[in-house]
Amino acid sequence: QVQLVASGGGLVQPGGSLRLSCAASISIFNINTMGWYRQAPGKERELVAAITTGGSVNYADSVEGRFTISRDSAKNTVYLQMDSLKPEDTAVYFCNARGILTTSGWRPHNYWGQGTMVTVSS
């Protein structure tokens, strides 16, 4: 089982920045894809950004150019740097790990962190 601990949420003003962290209990190179999702009130959970073991990244159109996903393998941690924040970025952000390398090979397991609240307001 993979444990994910998300942190870094908080209250920021429009135009401000915030960096979210997701610490995994295993090497992130044993996780096929790590990503950040968010869910705003009344909306479905949506993918914000994702990064694979090979370093490929993917962003939602609404955040591309403002958000950056990155990783620190030594810390088993993935980050989401959020710049130029807008009120519409307000949501609970969830860390996700999908596809785990086990002693029996890759398995399609899916794990979620606890979520961290991001509020963008003046």
N, C-alpha and C. Protein backbone atom coordinates (compact mmCIF):
# COMPACT_ATOMS: atom_id res chain seq x y z
N GLN A 1 0.83 -1.17 0.00
CA GLN A 1 0.00 0.00 0.00
C GLN A 1 0.89 1.24 0.00
N VAL A 2 0.45 2.26 -0.73
CA VAL A 2 1.20 3.51 -0.85
C VAL A 2 0.49 4.59 -0.04
N GLN A 3 1.26 5.26 0.80
CA GLN A 3 0.75 6.38 1.56
C GLN A 3 1.16 7.68 0.88
N LEU A 4 0.23 8.60 0.77
CA LEU A 4 0.48 9.91 0.17
C LEU A 4 0.09 10.98 1.17
N VAL A 5 1.00 11.90 1.42
CA VAL A 5 0.75 13.00 2.35
C VAL A 5 0.88 14.31 1.61
N ALA A 6 -0.23 15.00 1.48
CA ALA A 6 -0.26 16.28 0.78
C ALA A 6 -0.18 17.43 1.79
N SER A 7 0.48 18.49 1.38
CA SER A 7 0.60 19.66 2.23
C SER A 7 0.83 20.89 1.36
N GLY A 8 0.73 22.06 1.98
CA GLY A 8 1.05 23.30 1.30
C GLY A 8 -0.13 24.18 0.96
N GLY A 9 -1.34 23.71 1.19
CA GLY A 9 -2.50 24.52 0.90
C GLY A 9 -2.62 25.69 1.85
N GLY A 10 -3.47 26.62 1.48
CA GLY A 10 -3.67 27.79 2.32
C GLY A 10 -4.46 28.85 1.61
N LEU A 11 -4.47 30.03 2.20
CA LEU A 11 -5.18 31.18 1.66
C LEU A 11 -4.18 32.13 1.02
N VAL A 12 -4.42 32.46 -0.24
CA VAL A 12 -3.56 33.40 -0.96
C VAL A 12 -4.43 34.40 -1.71
N GLN A 13 -3.85 35.55 -2.01
CA GLN A 13 -4.55 36.56 -2.79
C GLN A 13 -4.41 36.28 -4.28
N PRO A 14 -5.35 36.75 -5.08
CA PRO A 14 -5.21 36.60 -6.53
C PRO A 14 -3.87 37.14 -7.01
N GLY A 15 -3.25 36.39 -7.90
CA GLY A 15 -1.92 36.74 -8.39
C GLY A 15 -0.80 36.18 -7.56
N GLY A 16 -1.11 35.61 -6.43
CA GLY A 16 -0.11 35.05 -5.55
C GLY A 16 0.32 33.66 -5.98
N SER A 17 1.21 33.08 -5.18
CA SER A 17 1.78 31.77 -5.47
C SER A 17 1.67 30.85 -4.27
N LEU A 18 1.67 29.57 -4.57
CA LEU A 18 1.61 28.55 -3.55
C LEU A 18 2.27 27.31 -4.11
N ARG A 19 2.95 26.56 -3.25
CA ARG A 19 3.55 25.30 -3.68
C ARG A 19 3.00 24.16 -2.85
N LEU A 20 2.39 23.21 -3.52
CA LEU A 20 1.88 22.02 -2.88
C LEU A 20 2.92 20.91 -2.94
N SER A 21 2.95 20.08 -1.92
CA SER A 21 3.86 18.95 -1.87
C SER A 21 3.08 17.67 -1.64
N CYS A 22 3.55 16.60 -2.25
CA CYS A 22 2.97 15.28 -2.04
C CYS A 22 4.11 14.31 -1.79
N ALA A 23 4.21 13.82 -0.58
CA ALA A 23 5.25 12.89 -0.20
C ALA A 23 4.70 11.47 -0.24
N ALA A 24 5.37 10.61 -1.00
CA ALA A 24 4.96 9.23 -1.14
C ALA A 24 5.80 8.33 -0.24
N SER A 25 5.23 7.21 0.14
CA SER A 25 5.93 6.27 1.02
C SER A 25 6.86 5.32 0.27
N ILE A 26 6.85 5.37 -1.04
CA ILE A 26 7.75 4.58 -1.86
C ILE A 26 8.41 5.49 -2.88
N SER A 27 9.42 4.97 -3.55
CA SER A 27 10.06 5.73 -4.61
C SER A 27 9.05 6.13 -5.67
N ILE A 28 9.11 7.39 -6.06
CA ILE A 28 8.17 7.85 -7.09
C ILE A 28 8.47 7.22 -8.44
N PHE A 29 9.64 6.63 -8.60
CA PHE A 29 9.94 5.92 -9.83
C PHE A 29 9.32 4.53 -9.86
N ASN A 30 8.73 4.12 -8.76
CA ASN A 30 7.93 2.91 -8.72
C ASN A 30 6.44 3.22 -8.86
N ILE A 31 6.13 4.45 -9.19
CA ILE A 31 4.77 4.89 -9.45
C ILE A 31 4.71 5.38 -10.88
N ASN A 32 3.88 4.78 -11.69
CA ASN A 32 3.85 5.13 -13.10
C ASN A 32 3.51 6.60 -13.32
N THR A 33 2.47 7.06 -12.63
CA THR A 33 2.02 8.43 -12.80
C THR A 33 1.64 9.02 -11.45
N MET A 34 2.17 10.19 -11.15
CA MET A 34 1.72 10.96 -10.00
C MET A 34 1.09 12.23 -10.51
N GLY A 35 -0.01 12.60 -9.89
CA GLY A 35 -0.72 13.76 -10.37
C GLY A 35 -1.43 14.51 -9.27
N TRP A 36 -1.87 15.69 -9.64
CA TRP A 36 -2.69 16.53 -8.78
C TRP A 36 -4.06 16.70 -9.41
N TYR A 37 -5.07 16.47 -8.61
CA TYR A 37 -6.45 16.70 -9.00
C TYR A 37 -7.02 17.77 -8.07
N ARG A 38 -8.10 18.38 -8.50
CA ARG A 38 -8.77 19.33 -7.63
C ARG A 38 -10.28 19.21 -7.80
N GLN A 39 -10.97 19.59 -6.75
CA GLN A 39 -12.42 19.57 -6.77
C GLN A 39 -12.94 20.82 -6.10
N ALA A 40 -13.64 21.62 -6.87
CA ALA A 40 -14.27 22.83 -6.36
C ALA A 40 -15.72 22.52 -5.99
N PRO A 41 -16.32 23.32 -5.13
CA PRO A 41 -17.71 23.09 -4.75
C PRO A 41 -18.63 23.03 -5.96
N GLY A 42 -19.45 21.99 -6.02
CA GLY A 42 -20.40 21.84 -7.10
C GLY A 42 -19.82 21.35 -8.41
N LYS A 43 -18.53 21.02 -8.43
CA LYS A 43 -17.89 20.56 -9.65
C LYS A 43 -17.29 19.18 -9.46
N GLU A 44 -17.07 18.50 -10.58
CA GLU A 44 -16.43 17.20 -10.54
C GLU A 44 -14.93 17.36 -10.33
N ARG A 45 -14.33 16.32 -9.78
CA ARG A 45 -12.89 16.31 -9.62
C ARG A 45 -12.22 16.28 -10.99
N GLU A 46 -11.21 17.12 -11.17
CA GLU A 46 -10.55 17.21 -12.45
C GLU A 46 -9.04 17.09 -12.29
N LEU A 47 -8.41 16.57 -13.32
CA LEU A 47 -6.95 16.49 -13.34
C LEU A 47 -6.37 17.87 -13.56
N VAL A 48 -5.42 18.23 -12.73
CA VAL A 48 -4.73 19.51 -12.85
C VAL A 48 -3.39 19.33 -13.56
N ALA A 49 -2.60 18.39 -13.09
CA ALA A 49 -1.28 18.14 -13.66
C ALA A 49 -0.85 16.74 -13.30
N ALA A 50 -0.02 16.14 -14.14
CA ALA A 50 0.49 14.80 -13.89
C ALA A 50 1.90 14.67 -14.43
N ILE A 51 2.67 13.78 -13.83
CA ILE A 51 4.02 13.51 -14.28
C ILE A 51 4.27 12.01 -14.18
N THR A 52 4.94 11.45 -15.19
CA THR A 52 5.22 10.03 -15.24
C THR A 52 6.64 9.74 -14.81
N THR A 53 6.95 8.45 -14.65
CA THR A 53 8.31 8.05 -14.30
C THR A 53 9.32 8.53 -15.33
N GLY A 54 8.90 8.63 -16.59
CA GLY A 54 9.78 9.09 -17.64
C GLY A 54 9.91 10.60 -17.73
N GLY A 55 9.15 11.32 -16.93
CA GLY A 55 9.25 12.77 -16.92
C GLY A 55 8.24 13.48 -17.80
N SER A 56 7.37 12.74 -18.46
CA SER A 56 6.33 13.38 -19.26
C SER A 56 5.34 14.09 -18.35
N VAL A 57 4.90 15.26 -18.76
CA VAL A 57 3.97 16.04 -17.96
C VAL A 57 2.73 16.37 -18.77
N ASN A 58 1.65 16.60 -18.04
CA ASN A 58 0.38 16.94 -18.66
C ASN A 58 -0.32 17.94 -17.75
N TYR A 59 -0.92 18.97 -18.34
CA TYR A 59 -1.61 20.01 -17.59
C TYR A 59 -3.01 20.23 -18.13
N ALA A 60 -3.89 20.58 -17.24
CA ALA A 60 -5.19 21.06 -17.68
C ALA A 60 -5.02 22.38 -18.41
N ASP A 61 -5.86 22.61 -19.41
CA ASP A 61 -5.77 23.86 -20.17
C ASP A 61 -5.89 25.09 -19.27
N SER A 62 -6.67 24.98 -18.22
CA SER A 62 -6.94 26.12 -17.36
C SER A 62 -5.74 26.54 -16.53
N VAL A 63 -4.75 25.67 -16.39
CA VAL A 63 -3.60 25.98 -15.54
C VAL A 63 -2.28 26.02 -16.30
N GLU A 64 -2.26 25.55 -17.52
CA GLU A 64 -1.01 25.51 -18.28
C GLU A 64 -0.44 26.92 -18.43
N GLY A 65 0.84 27.03 -18.15
CA GLY A 65 1.51 28.32 -18.17
C GLY A 65 1.57 28.98 -16.82
N ARG A 66 0.75 28.52 -15.88
CA ARG A 66 0.74 29.08 -14.54
C ARG A 66 1.22 28.08 -13.49
N PHE A 67 0.92 26.81 -13.70
CA PHE A 67 1.29 25.76 -12.76
C PHE A 67 2.43 24.93 -13.32
N THR A 68 3.27 24.41 -12.45
CA THR A 68 4.36 23.54 -12.84
C THR A 68 4.44 22.35 -11.90
N ILE A 69 4.41 21.15 -12.46
CA ILE A 69 4.59 19.96 -11.65
C ILE A 69 6.04 19.51 -11.77
N SER A 70 6.61 19.09 -10.66
CA SER A 70 7.99 18.65 -10.65
C SER A 70 8.17 17.58 -9.58
N ARG A 71 9.36 17.01 -9.52
CA ARG A 71 9.60 15.92 -8.58
C ARG A 71 10.99 16.00 -7.99
N ASP A 72 11.11 15.45 -6.80
CA ASP A 72 12.39 15.30 -6.12
C ASP A 72 12.45 13.84 -5.70
N SER A 73 13.14 13.03 -6.48
CA SER A 73 13.16 11.59 -6.23
C SER A 73 13.82 11.25 -4.89
N ALA A 74 14.80 12.05 -4.47
CA ALA A 74 15.47 11.80 -3.20
C ALA A 74 14.52 11.91 -2.02
N LYS A 75 13.49 12.72 -2.17
CA LYS A 75 12.51 12.92 -1.11
C LYS A 75 11.20 12.19 -1.37
N ASN A 76 11.14 11.42 -2.45
CA ASN A 76 9.90 10.74 -2.84
C ASN A 76 8.73 11.71 -2.91
N THR A 77 9.00 12.89 -3.44
CA THR A 77 8.03 13.96 -3.37
C THR A 77 7.77 14.58 -4.74
N VAL A 78 6.52 14.88 -4.99
CA VAL A 78 6.10 15.61 -6.18
C VAL A 78 5.53 16.94 -5.73
N TYR A 79 5.83 17.99 -6.49
CA TYR A 79 5.40 19.33 -6.15
C TYR A 79 4.47 19.89 -7.22
N LEU A 80 3.64 20.81 -6.82
CA LEU A 80 2.85 21.59 -7.75
C LEU A 80 3.07 23.06 -7.41
N GLN A 81 3.86 23.73 -8.23
CA GLN A 81 4.08 25.15 -8.07
C GLN A 81 2.96 25.89 -8.78
N MET A 82 2.23 26.69 -8.04
CA MET A 82 1.08 27.40 -8.57
C MET A 82 1.37 28.90 -8.52
N ASP A 83 1.45 29.50 -9.67
CA ASP A 83 1.70 30.93 -9.79
C ASP A 83 0.51 31.61 -10.44
N SER A 84 0.46 32.92 -10.30
CA SER A 84 -0.62 33.71 -10.89
C SER A 84 -1.99 33.13 -10.56
N LEU A 85 -2.17 32.83 -9.31
CA LEU A 85 -3.40 32.17 -8.88
C LEU A 85 -4.63 33.05 -9.09
N LYS A 86 -5.71 32.40 -9.44
CA LYS A 86 -6.98 33.05 -9.69
C LYS A 86 -8.03 32.53 -8.73
N PRO A 87 -9.07 33.30 -8.48
CA PRO A 87 -10.14 32.80 -7.60
C PRO A 87 -10.72 31.47 -8.07
N GLU A 88 -10.77 31.24 -9.37
CA GLU A 88 -11.31 29.99 -9.87
C GLU A 88 -10.41 28.79 -9.61
N ASP A 89 -9.20 29.02 -9.10
CA ASP A 89 -8.33 27.93 -8.68
C ASP A 89 -8.70 27.40 -7.31
N THR A 90 -9.60 28.07 -6.64
CA THR A 90 -10.02 27.65 -5.31
C THR A 90 -10.64 26.26 -5.37
N ALA A 91 -10.09 25.35 -4.59
CA ALA A 91 -10.55 23.96 -4.60
C ALA A 91 -9.78 23.18 -3.55
N VAL A 92 -10.24 21.97 -3.30
CA VAL A 92 -9.45 21.01 -2.55
C VAL A 92 -8.57 20.28 -3.56
N TYR A 93 -7.29 20.25 -3.30
CA TYR A 93 -6.34 19.61 -4.20
C TYR A 93 -5.92 18.27 -3.62
N PHE A 94 -5.97 17.24 -4.46
CA PHE A 94 -5.66 15.88 -4.06
C PHE A 94 -4.46 15.35 -4.83
N CYS A 95 -3.57 14.70 -4.12
CA CYS A 95 -2.46 13.99 -4.75
C CYS A 95 -2.91 12.59 -5.12
N ASN A 96 -2.44 12.10 -6.25
CA ASN A 96 -2.82 10.79 -6.74
C ASN A 96 -1.61 10.02 -7.24
N ALA A 97 -1.58 8.74 -6.96
CA ALA A 97 -0.56 7.83 -7.48
C ALA A 97 -1.26 6.69 -8.19
N ARG A 98 -0.85 6.44 -9.42
CA ARG A 98 -1.52 5.44 -10.24
C ARG A 98 -0.50 4.56 -10.94
N GLY A 99 -0.64 3.25 -10.77
CA GLY A 99 0.27 2.30 -11.38
C GLY A 99 1.50 2.09 -10.53
N ILE A 100 1.60 0.95 -9.85
CA ILE A 100 2.66 0.71 -8.88
C ILE A 100 3.51 -0.47 -9.33
N LEU A 101 4.83 -0.29 -9.25
CA LEU A 101 5.75 -1.37 -9.56
C LEU A 101 5.95 -2.22 -8.31
N THR A 102 5.59 -3.47 -8.40
CA THR A 102 5.72 -4.41 -7.30
C THR A 102 6.72 -5.49 -7.68
N THR A 103 6.97 -6.40 -6.75
CA THR A 103 7.87 -7.52 -7.04
C THR A 103 7.31 -8.42 -8.12
N SER A 104 6.02 -8.33 -8.37
CA SER A 104 5.38 -9.12 -9.42
C SER A 104 5.17 -8.34 -10.70
N GLY A 105 5.70 -7.13 -10.75
CA GLY A 105 5.55 -6.29 -11.91
C GLY A 105 4.61 -5.12 -11.66
N TRP A 106 4.27 -4.41 -12.72
CA TRP A 106 3.38 -3.26 -12.60
C TRP A 106 1.95 -3.70 -12.32
N ARG A 107 1.34 -2.98 -11.40
CA ARG A 107 -0.04 -3.25 -11.03
C ARG A 107 -0.85 -1.97 -11.13
N PRO A 108 -2.11 -2.07 -11.56
CA PRO A 108 -2.93 -0.87 -11.79
C PRO A 108 -3.59 -0.33 -10.52
N HIS A 109 -2.81 -0.19 -9.47
CA HIS A 109 -3.36 0.34 -8.23
C HIS A 109 -3.46 1.86 -8.30
N ASN A 110 -4.35 2.38 -7.48
CA ASN A 110 -4.65 3.80 -7.49
C ASN A 110 -4.79 4.28 -6.05
N TYR A 111 -4.02 5.31 -5.68
CA TYR A 111 -4.02 5.81 -4.32
C TYR A 111 -4.23 7.31 -4.30
N TRP A 112 -4.86 7.77 -3.22
CA TRP A 112 -5.16 9.19 -3.06
C TRP A 112 -4.63 9.71 -1.74
N GLY A 113 -4.16 10.94 -1.75
CA GLY A 113 -3.82 11.63 -0.53
C GLY A 113 -5.06 12.21 0.10
N GLN A 114 -4.87 12.91 1.21
CA GLN A 114 -6.00 13.38 2.00
C GLN A 114 -6.63 14.66 1.48
N GLY A 115 -5.95 15.36 0.62
CA GLY A 115 -6.45 16.62 0.11
C GLY A 115 -5.98 17.81 0.93
N THR A 116 -5.69 18.89 0.25
CA THR A 116 -5.30 20.13 0.92
C THR A 116 -6.04 21.29 0.27
N MET A 117 -6.57 22.17 1.10
CA MET A 117 -7.44 23.24 0.61
C MET A 117 -6.63 24.43 0.13
N VAL A 118 -6.97 24.89 -1.06
CA VAL A 118 -6.40 26.11 -1.62
C VAL A 118 -7.52 27.12 -1.82
N THR A 119 -7.37 28.27 -1.20
CA THR A 119 -8.36 29.33 -1.33
C THR A 119 -7.68 30.57 -1.87
N VAL A 120 -8.18 31.06 -2.99
CA VAL A 120 -7.64 32.26 -3.62
C VAL A 120 -8.70 33.35 -3.51
N SER A 121 -8.43 34.32 -2.69
CA SER A 121 -9.41 35.36 -2.43
C SER A 121 -8.73 36.61 -1.92
N SER A 122 -9.31 37.75 -2.25
CA SER A 122 -8.82 39.02 -1.74
C SER A 122 -9.57 39.44 -0.49
